[in-house]
Amino acid sequence: MCADYCEETGRLRILQDEVALREWFPPNSWMAIASVAGARNWGTRPDLNELRALLVSQMSLMNIG
């Protein structure tokens, strides 16, 4: 399972075996990142730690892990 963020479009996806389980587009993608990682870049340029925090949060919500 991984989190994938496209800086060009702002699309954010949670993938499992290359299948999108969750998908957000701006501004929802930015809010999803900022809600778990803080407002360092307001979710618009997440780093690996911020994507990891989002992934852990989403796995918890989906009861995975």
C-alpha atoms as a PDB file:
ATOM      1  CA  MET A   1       0.000   0.000   0.000  1.00  0.00           C
ATOM      2  CA  CYS A   2       1.321   3.451  -0.833  1.00  0.00           C
ATOM      3  CA  ALA A   3       0.358   7.105  -1.102  1.00  0.00           C
ATOM      4  CA  ASP A   4       0.916   8.742  -4.488  1.00  0.00           C
ATOM      5  CA  TYR A   5       0.869  12.525  -4.981  1.00  0.00           C
ATOM      6  CA  CYS A   6       1.174  14.302  -8.337  1.00  0.00           C
ATOM      7  CA  GLU A   7       2.573  17.822  -7.911  1.00  0.00           C
ATOM      8  CA  GLU A   8       1.458  18.817 -11.421  1.00  0.00           C
ATOM      9  CA  THR A   9      -2.242  18.103 -10.825  1.00  0.00           C
ATOM     10  CA  GLY A  10      -2.513  17.919  -7.030  1.00  0.00           C
ATOM     11  CA  ARG A  11      -4.068  14.457  -7.300  1.00  0.00           C
ATOM     12  CA  LEU A  12      -3.563  12.270  -4.249  1.00  0.00           C
ATOM     13  CA  ARG A  13      -4.197   8.541  -4.256  1.00  0.00           C
ATOM     14  CA  ILE A  14      -3.940   5.651  -1.826  1.00  0.00           C
ATOM     15  CA  LEU A  15      -2.935   2.608  -3.869  1.00  0.00           C
ATOM     16  CA  GLN A  16      -2.871  -1.089  -3.128  1.00  0.00           C
ATOM     17  CA  ASP A  17      -1.374  -3.319  -5.815  1.00  0.00           C
ATOM     18  CA  GLU A  18      -1.662  -0.373  -8.252  1.00  0.00           C
ATOM     19  CA  VAL A  19      -5.431  -0.105  -7.607  1.00  0.00           C
ATOM     20  CA  ALA A  20      -6.694   3.234  -6.251  1.00  0.00           C
ATOM     21  CA  LEU A  21      -8.548   2.720  -2.969  1.00  0.00           C
ATOM     22  CA  ARG A  22      -8.951   6.457  -2.360  1.00  0.00           C
ATOM     23  CA  GLU A  23      -8.480   9.429  -4.663  1.00  0.00           C
ATOM     24  CA  TRP A  24      -8.659  13.165  -4.021  1.00  0.00           C
ATOM     25  CA  PHE A  25      -8.201  16.243  -6.177  1.00  0.00           C
ATOM     26  CA  PRO A  26      -7.495  19.833  -5.046  1.00  0.00           C
ATOM     27  CA  PRO A  27      -8.518  21.334  -2.753  1.00  0.00           C
ATOM     28  CA  ASN A  28      -9.562  18.082  -1.027  1.00  0.00           C
ATOM     29  CA  SER A  29      -6.151  16.480  -1.571  1.00  0.00           C
ATOM     30  CA  TRP A  30      -4.424  19.443   0.071  1.00  0.00           C
ATOM     31  CA  MET A  31      -6.807  19.369   3.031  1.00  0.00           C
ATOM     32  CA  ALA A  32      -6.334  15.612   3.472  1.00  0.00           C
ATOM     33  CA  ILE A  33      -2.563  16.058   3.724  1.00  0.00           C
ATOM     34  CA  ALA A  34      -2.696  19.154   5.930  1.00  0.00           C
ATOM     35  CA  SER A  35      -5.153  17.456   8.302  1.00  0.00           C
ATOM     36  CA  VAL A  36      -2.638  14.756   9.252  1.00  0.00           C
ATOM     37  CA  ALA A  37       0.676  16.484   8.611  1.00  0.00           C
ATOM     38  CA  GLY A  38       0.103  20.093   9.588  1.00  0.00           C
ATOM     39  CA  ALA A  39       0.120  23.137   7.397  1.00  0.00           C
ATOM     40  CA  ARG A  40       3.823  23.316   6.505  1.00  0.00           C
ATOM     41  CA  ASN A  41       2.945  23.741   2.824  1.00  0.00           C
ATOM     42  CA  TRP A  42      -0.828  23.654   3.255  1.00  0.00           C
ATOM     43  CA  GLY A  43      -0.730  20.170   1.730  1.00  0.00           C
ATOM     44  CA  THR A  44       0.344  21.406  -1.693  1.00  0.00           C
ATOM     45  CA  ARG A  45       3.898  19.977  -1.645  1.00  0.00           C
ATOM     46  CA  PRO A  46       3.947  16.998   0.728  1.00  0.00           C
ATOM     47  CA  ASP A  47       7.211  15.316   1.614  1.00  0.00           C
ATOM     48  CA  LEU A  48       7.642  11.591   2.280  1.00  0.00           C
ATOM     49  CA  ASN A  49       6.923  11.973   6.004  1.00  0.00           C
ATOM     50  CA  GLU A  50       3.654  13.772   5.307  1.00  0.00           C
ATOM     51  CA  LEU A  51       2.582  11.139   2.781  1.00  0.00           C
ATOM     52  CA  ARG A  52       3.506   8.425   5.282  1.00  0.00           C
ATOM     53  CA  ALA A  53       1.368  10.124   7.959  1.00  0.00           C
ATOM     54  CA  LEU A  54      -1.551  10.260   5.529  1.00  0.00           C
ATOM     55  CA  LEU A  55      -1.100   6.591   4.636  1.00  0.00           C
ATOM     56  CA  VAL A  56      -1.057   5.528   8.301  1.00  0.00           C
ATOM     57  CA  SER A  57      -4.189   7.585   8.951  1.00  0.00           C
ATOM     58  CA  GLN A  58      -6.034   6.138   5.971  1.00  0.00           C
ATOM     59  CA  MET A  59      -5.018   2.583   6.862  1.00  0.00           C
ATOM     60  CA  SER A  60      -6.468   3.150  10.319  1.00  0.00           C
ATOM     61  CA  LEU A  61      -9.728   4.463   8.849  1.00  0.00           C
ATOM     62  CA  MET A  62      -9.940   1.456   6.528  1.00  0.00           C
ATOM     63  CA  ASN A  63      -9.063  -0.937   9.394  1.00  0.00           C
ATOM     64  CA  ILE A  64      -5.948  -2.174   7.588  1.00  0.00           C
ATOM     65  CA  GLY A  65      -2.771  -2.956   9.465  1.00  0.00           C
END
